[in-house]
Amino acid sequence: MPRIVALIGDAFYHGVIQIITPTNENYESMRVDYVQRNNEVAGRMLNIVKQIQSNQEVFAACIQCINDQQKAALEDAMKSFQNITVA
């Protein structure tokens, strides 16, 4: 499980997947279907993290195995995702 959390953290850190909101650069020029698909994938990835987070011992072990950038990226993504709705 730590590897799964690390991969998700990497995906957000490197911008492979991101939470797209109206505050994103070039938001107005993005296609609606792209934004929706991207946010759906991001939501699924974050739901996996939330499932792991529901077991505090397992989540603590996962968090110890990831670097600071991955931790920060996950925190930012989770905060951002709370502020959007996925259609």
C-alpha atoms as a PDB file:
ATOM      1  CA  MET A   1       0.000   0.000   0.000  1.00  0.00           C
ATOM      2  CA  PRO A   2       2.798   2.506   0.613  1.00  0.00           C
ATOM      3  CA  ARG A   3       3.746   2.215  -3.058  1.00  0.00           C
ATOM      4  CA  ILE A   4       0.177   3.017  -4.124  1.00  0.00           C
ATOM      5  CA  VAL A   5       0.117   6.137  -1.960  1.00  0.00           C
ATOM      6  CA  ALA A   6       3.561   7.117  -3.281  1.00  0.00           C
ATOM      7  CA  LEU A   7       2.428   6.718  -6.904  1.00  0.00           C
ATOM      8  CA  ILE A   8      -0.670   8.833  -6.310  1.00  0.00           C
ATOM      9  CA  GLY A   9       1.450  11.465  -4.539  1.00  0.00           C
ATOM     10  CA  ASP A  10       3.869  11.470  -7.478  1.00  0.00           C
ATOM     11  CA  ALA A  11       1.037  11.857  -9.979  1.00  0.00           C
ATOM     12  CA  PHE A  12      -0.200  14.996  -8.239  1.00  0.00           C
ATOM     13  CA  TYR A  13       3.292  16.349  -7.514  1.00  0.00           C
ATOM     14  CA  HIS A  14       4.453  16.070 -11.122  1.00  0.00           C
ATOM     15  CA  GLY A  15       1.166  17.407 -12.496  1.00  0.00           C
ATOM     16  CA  VAL A  16       0.275  14.221 -14.334  1.00  0.00           C
ATOM     17  CA  ILE A  17      -3.151  14.571 -12.773  1.00  0.00           C
ATOM     18  CA  GLN A  18      -4.462  17.689 -11.110  1.00  0.00           C
ATOM     19  CA  ILE A  19      -7.570  19.172  -9.611  1.00  0.00           C
ATOM     20  CA  ILE A  20      -8.863  21.669 -12.167  1.00  0.00           C
ATOM     21  CA  THR A  21     -10.814  24.617 -10.796  1.00  0.00           C
ATOM     22  CA  PRO A  22     -11.700  28.025 -12.247  1.00  0.00           C
ATOM     23  CA  THR A  23      -8.556  29.389 -10.581  1.00  0.00           C
ATOM     24  CA  ASN A  24      -6.305  27.213 -12.796  1.00  0.00           C
ATOM     25  CA  GLU A  25      -4.309  28.973 -15.486  1.00  0.00           C
ATOM     26  CA  ASN A  26      -5.991  28.629 -18.901  1.00  0.00           C
ATOM     27  CA  TYR A  27      -9.181  27.285 -17.305  1.00  0.00           C
ATOM     28  CA  GLU A  28     -11.363  29.212 -19.738  1.00  0.00           C
ATOM     29  CA  SER A  29      -9.694  27.591 -22.740  1.00  0.00           C
ATOM     30  CA  MET A  30     -10.012  24.022 -21.391  1.00  0.00           C
ATOM     31  CA  ARG A  31     -12.688  21.771 -22.813  1.00  0.00           C
ATOM     32  CA  VAL A  32     -15.431  20.898 -20.359  1.00  0.00           C
ATOM     33  CA  ASP A  33     -15.142  17.149 -21.009  1.00  0.00           C
ATOM     34  CA  TYR A  34     -11.384  17.294 -20.309  1.00  0.00           C
ATOM     35  CA  VAL A  35     -11.948  19.069 -17.000  1.00  0.00           C
ATOM     36  CA  GLN A  36     -14.666  16.598 -15.977  1.00  0.00           C
ATOM     37  CA  ARG A  37     -12.610  13.507 -16.904  1.00  0.00           C
ATOM     38  CA  ASN A  38      -9.513  14.856 -15.210  1.00  0.00           C
ATOM     39  CA  ASN A  39     -11.392  15.657 -12.014  1.00  0.00           C
ATOM     40  CA  GLU A  40     -13.128  12.258 -12.049  1.00  0.00           C
ATOM     41  CA  VAL A  41      -9.762  10.495 -12.243  1.00  0.00           C
ATOM     42  CA  ALA A  42      -8.361  12.730  -9.515  1.00  0.00           C
ATOM     43  CA  GLY A  43     -11.399  11.947  -7.369  1.00  0.00           C
ATOM     44  CA  ARG A  44     -10.946   8.214  -7.837  1.00  0.00           C
ATOM     45  CA  MET A  45      -7.296   8.453  -6.896  1.00  0.00           C
ATOM     46  CA  LEU A  46      -8.090  10.477  -3.800  1.00  0.00           C
ATOM     47  CA  ASN A  47     -10.844   8.031  -2.833  1.00  0.00           C
ATOM     48  CA  ILE A  48      -8.217   5.281  -2.792  1.00  0.00           C
ATOM     49  CA  VAL A  49      -6.122   7.389  -0.434  1.00  0.00           C
ATOM     50  CA  LYS A  50      -9.193   8.062   1.747  1.00  0.00           C
ATOM     51  CA  GLN A  51      -9.915   4.315   1.938  1.00  0.00           C
ATOM     52  CA  ILE A  52      -6.359   3.683   3.084  1.00  0.00           C
ATOM     53  CA  GLN A  53      -6.639   6.631   5.471  1.00  0.00           C
ATOM     54  CA  SER A  54      -9.632   4.988   7.163  1.00  0.00           C
ATOM     55  CA  ASN A  55      -7.190   2.492   8.715  1.00  0.00           C
ATOM     56  CA  GLN A  56      -4.949   4.778  10.757  1.00  0.00           C
ATOM     57  CA  GLU A  57      -2.177   2.228  11.295  1.00  0.00           C
ATOM     58  CA  VAL A  58      -1.877   1.373   7.609  1.00  0.00           C
ATOM     59  CA  PHE A  59      -2.065   5.027   6.594  1.00  0.00           C
ATOM     60  CA  ALA A  60       0.616   6.002   9.119  1.00  0.00           C
ATOM     61  CA  ALA A  61       2.901   3.313   7.678  1.00  0.00           C
ATOM     62  CA  CYS A  62       2.234   4.606   4.155  1.00  0.00           C
ATOM     63  CA  ILE A  63       2.917   8.224   5.093  1.00  0.00           C
ATOM     64  CA  GLN A  64       6.260   7.265   6.646  1.00  0.00           C
ATOM     65  CA  CYS A  65       7.350   5.799   3.306  1.00  0.00           C
ATOM     66  CA  ILE A  66       6.675   8.828   1.096  1.00  0.00           C
ATOM     67  CA  ASN A  67       8.724  11.983   0.697  1.00  0.00           C
ATOM     68  CA  ASP A  68       7.770  15.528   1.684  1.00  0.00           C
ATOM     69  CA  GLN A  69       6.826  16.546  -1.870  1.00  0.00           C
ATOM     70  CA  GLN A  70       4.429  13.605  -2.180  1.00  0.00           C
ATOM     71  CA  LYS A  71       2.892  14.416   1.216  1.00  0.00           C
ATOM     72  CA  ALA A  72       2.424  18.064   0.294  1.00  0.00           C
ATOM     73  CA  ALA A  73       0.956  17.165  -3.113  1.00  0.00           C
ATOM     74  CA  LEU A  74      -1.560  14.787  -1.521  1.00  0.00           C
ATOM     75  CA  GLU A  75      -2.545  17.368   1.103  1.00  0.00           C
ATOM     76  CA  ASP A  76      -3.020  20.061  -1.542  1.00  0.00           C
ATOM     77  CA  ALA A  77      -5.012  17.736  -3.797  1.00  0.00           C
ATOM     78  CA  MET A  78      -7.299  16.661  -0.970  1.00  0.00           C
ATOM     79  CA  LYS A  79      -7.921  20.277   0.038  1.00  0.00           C
ATOM     80  CA  SER A  80      -8.576  21.340  -3.550  1.00  0.00           C
ATOM     81  CA  PHE A  81     -10.871  18.407  -4.241  1.00  0.00           C
ATOM     82  CA  GLN A  82     -13.132  19.364  -1.331  1.00  0.00           C
ATOM     83  CA  ASN A  83     -13.909  22.591  -3.173  1.00  0.00           C
ATOM     84  CA  ILE A  84     -15.170  21.093  -6.441  1.00  0.00           C
ATOM     85  CA  THR A  85     -18.064  18.964  -7.556  1.00  0.00           C
ATOM     86  CA  VAL A  86     -17.647  16.152 -10.022  1.00  0.00           C
ATOM     87  CA  ALA A  87     -20.506  15.859 -12.517  1.00  0.00           C
END
